[in-house]
Each structure stands twice: as structure tokens, then as C-alpha cells.
C-alpha atoms as a PDB file:
ATOM      1  CA  MET A   1     143.274 -59.464  24.090  1.00  0.00           C
ATOM      2  CA  ASN A   2     143.202 -57.691  27.518  1.00  0.00           C
ATOM      3  CA  TRP A   3     140.393 -58.738  30.069  1.00  0.00           C
ATOM      4  CA  SER A   4     142.123 -57.012  32.883  1.00  0.00           C
ATOM      5  CA  PRO A   5     139.772 -53.966  32.975  1.00  0.00           C
ATOM      6  CA  TYR A   6     136.771 -56.206  32.821  1.00  0.00           C
ATOM      7  CA  ILE A   7     138.062 -58.615  35.442  1.00  0.00           C
ATOM      8  CA  LYS A   8     139.077 -55.731  37.831  1.00  0.00           C
ATOM      9  CA  GLY A   9     135.723 -54.140  37.460  1.00  0.00           C
ATOM     10  CA  PHE A  10     134.013 -57.510  38.209  1.00  0.00           C
ATOM     11  CA  GLU A  11     136.254 -57.964  41.394  1.00  0.00           C
ATOM     12  CA  ALA A  12     135.273 -54.551  42.568  1.00  0.00           C
ATOM     13  CA  TYR A  13     131.519 -55.186  41.912  1.00  0.00           C
ATOM     14  CA  LEU A  14     131.669 -58.586  43.892  1.00  0.00           C
ATOM     15  CA  LEU A  15     133.472 -56.705  46.677  1.00  0.00           C
ATOM     16  CA  MET A  16     131.380 -53.593  46.971  1.00  0.00           C
ATOM     17  CA  GLU A  17     127.985 -54.319  45.633  1.00  0.00           C
ATOM     18  CA  LYS A  18     127.799 -58.226  46.471  1.00  0.00           C
ATOM     19  CA  SER A  19     129.872 -57.957  49.658  1.00  0.00           C
ATOM     20  CA  LEU A  20     131.065 -61.412  48.922  1.00  0.00           C
ATOM     21  CA  SER A  21     133.902 -63.021  51.007  1.00  0.00           C
ATOM     22  CA  LYS A  22     137.441 -63.236  49.758  1.00  0.00           C
ATOM     23  CA  ASN A  23     137.204 -66.868  49.025  1.00  0.00           C
ATOM     24  CA  SER A  24     133.981 -66.411  47.010  1.00  0.00           C
ATOM     25  CA  ILE A  25     135.479 -63.546  44.975  1.00  0.00           C
ATOM     26  CA  GLU A  26     138.670 -65.620  44.250  1.00  0.00           C
ATOM     27  CA  ALA A  27     136.477 -68.385  43.088  1.00  0.00           C
ATOM     28  CA  TYR A  28     134.538 -66.360  40.695  1.00  0.00           C
ATOM     29  CA  LEU A  29     137.828 -64.783  39.409  1.00  0.00           C
ATOM     30  CA  ARG A  30     139.240 -68.219  39.007  1.00  0.00           C
ATOM     31  CA  ASP A  31     136.243 -69.211  36.978  1.00  0.00           C
ATOM     32  CA  VAL A  32     136.589 -66.353  34.474  1.00  0.00           C
ATOM     33  CA  GLY A  33     140.248 -66.862  34.447  1.00  0.00           C
ATOM     34  CA  LYS A  34     139.844 -70.325  33.281  1.00  0.00           C
ATOM     35  CA  LEU A  35     137.560 -69.183  30.395  1.00  0.00           C
ATOM     36  CA  TYR A  36     140.303 -66.730  29.418  1.00  0.00           C
ATOM     37  CA  GLU A  37     142.975 -69.374  29.651  1.00  0.00           C
ATOM     38  CA  TYR A  38     140.864 -71.724  27.402  1.00  0.00           C
ATOM     39  CA  LEU A  39     140.393 -69.106  24.697  1.00  0.00           C
ATOM     40  CA  GLN A  40     144.172 -68.553  24.675  1.00  0.00           C
ATOM     41  CA  ILE A  41     144.872 -72.234  24.365  1.00  0.00           C
ATOM     42  CA  LYS A  42     142.528 -72.577  21.538  1.00  0.00           C
ATOM     43  CA  GLY A  43     143.970 -69.370  19.997  1.00  0.00           C
ATOM     44  CA  PHE A  44     140.965 -67.158  20.062  1.00  0.00           C
ATOM     45  CA  SER A  45     141.916 -63.568  20.564  1.00  0.00           C
ATOM     46  CA  LEU A  46     138.541 -62.488  21.720  1.00  0.00           C
ATOM     47  CA  GLN A  47     137.285 -59.714  24.038  1.00  0.00           C
ATOM     48  CA  PRO A  48     134.393 -60.574  26.335  1.00  0.00           C
ATOM     49  CA  GLU A  49     131.812 -58.750  24.049  1.00  0.00           C
ATOM     50  CA  GLN A  50     132.937 -61.102  21.201  1.00  0.00           C
ATOM     51  CA  ILE A  51     132.259 -64.338  23.089  1.00  0.00           C
ATOM     52  CA  ARG A  52     129.321 -66.271  21.926  1.00  0.00           C
ATOM     53  CA  MET A  53     127.328 -69.287  23.280  1.00  0.00           C
ATOM     54  CA  SER A  54     129.258 -71.743  21.101  1.00  0.00           C
ATOM     55  CA  HIS A  55     132.492 -70.606  22.848  1.00  0.00           C
ATOM     56  CA  VAL A  56     130.989 -71.103  26.370  1.00  0.00           C
ATOM     57  CA  GLU A  57     129.723 -74.734  25.344  1.00  0.00           C
ATOM     58  CA  ALA A  58     133.113 -75.554  23.853  1.00  0.00           C
ATOM     59  CA  PHE A  59     134.640 -74.314  27.101  1.00  0.00           C
ATOM     60  CA  LEU A  60     132.408 -76.447  29.214  1.00  0.00           C
ATOM     61  CA  ALA A  61     133.120 -79.536  26.938  1.00  0.00           C
ATOM     62  CA  TYR A  62     136.902 -78.660  27.464  1.00  0.00           C
ATOM     63  CA  LEU A  63     136.427 -78.694  31.248  1.00  0.00           C
ATOM     64  CA  PHE A  64     134.777 -82.187  30.911  1.00  0.00           C
ATOM     65  CA  ASP A  65     137.550 -83.357  28.866  1.00  0.00           C
ATOM     66  CA  LEU A  66     139.946 -82.288  31.490  1.00  0.00           C
ATOM     67  CA  GLY A  67     138.125 -84.711  33.814  1.00  0.00           C
ATOM     68  CA  LEU A  68     136.136 -82.148  35.923  1.00  0.00           C
ATOM     69  CA  ASN A  69     133.098 -83.668  37.292  1.00  0.00           C
ATOM     70  CA  GLU A  70     129.461 -82.069  36.668  1.00  0.00           C
ATOM     71  CA  LYS A  71     129.386 -80.228  39.969  1.00  0.00           C
ATOM     72  CA  SER A  72     132.724 -78.585  39.302  1.00  0.00           C
ATOM     73  CA  CYS A  73     131.773 -77.593  35.775  1.00  0.00           C
ATOM     74  CA  ALA A  74     128.455 -76.132  37.048  1.00  0.00           C
ATOM     75  CA  ARG A  75     130.054 -74.191  39.618  1.00  0.00           C
ATOM     76  CA  MET A  76     132.560 -72.786  36.986  1.00  0.00           C
ATOM     77  CA  LEU A  77     129.547 -72.000  34.640  1.00  0.00           C
ATOM     78  CA  SER A  78     127.962 -70.179  37.453  1.00  0.00           C
ATOM     79  CA  GLY A  79     131.054 -67.863  37.793  1.00  0.00           C
ATOM     80  CA  VAL A  80     131.022 -67.212  34.246  1.00  0.00           C
ATOM     81  CA  LYS A  81     127.378 -66.345  34.151  1.00  0.00           C
ATOM     82  CA  ALA A  82     127.848 -63.927  37.072  1.00  0.00           C
ATOM     83  CA  PHE A  83     130.713 -62.199  34.927  1.00  0.00           C
ATOM     84  CA  TYR A  84     128.407 -61.810  32.040  1.00  0.00           C
ATOM     85  CA  LYS A  85     125.558 -60.458  34.239  1.00  0.00           C
ATOM     86  CA  TYR A  86     127.948 -57.926  35.589  1.00  0.00           C
ATOM     87  CA  LEU A  87     129.033 -56.998  32.147  1.00  0.00           C
ATOM     88  CA  MET A  88     125.487 -56.769  30.929  1.00  0.00           C
ATOM     89  CA  MET A  89     124.592 -54.556  33.935  1.00  0.00           C
ATOM     90  CA  GLU A  90     127.576 -52.157  33.172  1.00  0.00           C
ATOM     91  CA  ASP A  91     126.570 -51.913  29.579  1.00  0.00           C
ATOM     92  CA  LEU A  92     129.829 -53.540  28.494  1.00  0.00           C
ATOM     93  CA  VAL A  93     128.482 -56.290  26.338  1.00  0.00           C
ATOM     94  CA  ALA A  94     125.331 -56.016  24.295  1.00  0.00           C
ATOM     95  CA  ASP A  95     124.638 -59.891  24.606  1.00  0.00           C
ATOM     96  CA  ASP A  96     125.055 -62.541  27.310  1.00  0.00           C
ATOM     97  CA  PRO A  97     126.330 -65.639  25.556  1.00  0.00           C
ATOM     98  CA  THR A  98     125.597 -67.581  28.844  1.00  0.00           C
ATOM     99  CA  GLU A  99     121.866 -66.781  28.934  1.00  0.00           C
ATOM    100  CA  LEU A 100     120.551 -69.731  27.176  1.00  0.00           C
ATOM    101  CA  ILE A 101     123.041 -72.260  28.665  1.00  0.00           C
ATOM    102  CA  MET A 102     121.110 -74.281  31.438  1.00  0.00           C
ATOM    103  CA  GLY A 103     122.578 -75.693  34.595  1.00  0.00           C
ATOM    104  CA  LEU A 104     124.438 -78.916  34.315  1.00  0.00           C
ATOM    105  CA  SER A 105     123.094 -80.884  37.251  1.00  0.00           C
END
């Protein structure tokens, strides 16, 4: 499971297309990195296009179990949603597993 090309493309997109600050880009990349880390911990060897809504929901439950508050979880979800919007826009995934997940607040 190698997410590097996806993450590097997302980083370039955030920098060039969205003109986000370095801190904002780092936050988005950290959010996606947490999802990737969660998948590894749980033993899922999945590429971004194989992620389903159930994986994202389990990831959010994991974050709550770690003690993150609702605001932190919502911000992390926002980063993962942005990642999947980018992947959809670039035709790198056929489905957005975050599409039906509503905000947490």
C-alpha cells in the first residue's frame, strides 16, 4: 500500500490550485496521514480507491476512542473530504467514501 503519489499530488494541488498556507497544507496532509496510519494499525492494505464509507466511519470512531473532541474529529474529516474531492477531480477514484458523511458538529 503506497499512498505517496496520491499524497504528493494532493500537496501540489493544495499549494498550486488552492494557494493555501504552509500550515494549512500541513494540517490537510496530517489528516490524510492519520487515516493512512489508522488503516495500517487495523491491518488494512488498501489504496485510496478501495476505501469505503465504513472505513471512514470506523476511522472517526477510532479518533473519538483516542479522546479527540468533536471539533478535532470534524476538522480531520474535513481534511479527508478535501483529499477525496481532489482524487475525484483527478479521476483517481471512482467513488468518494466521504460523500455521505455529514459534519460532526
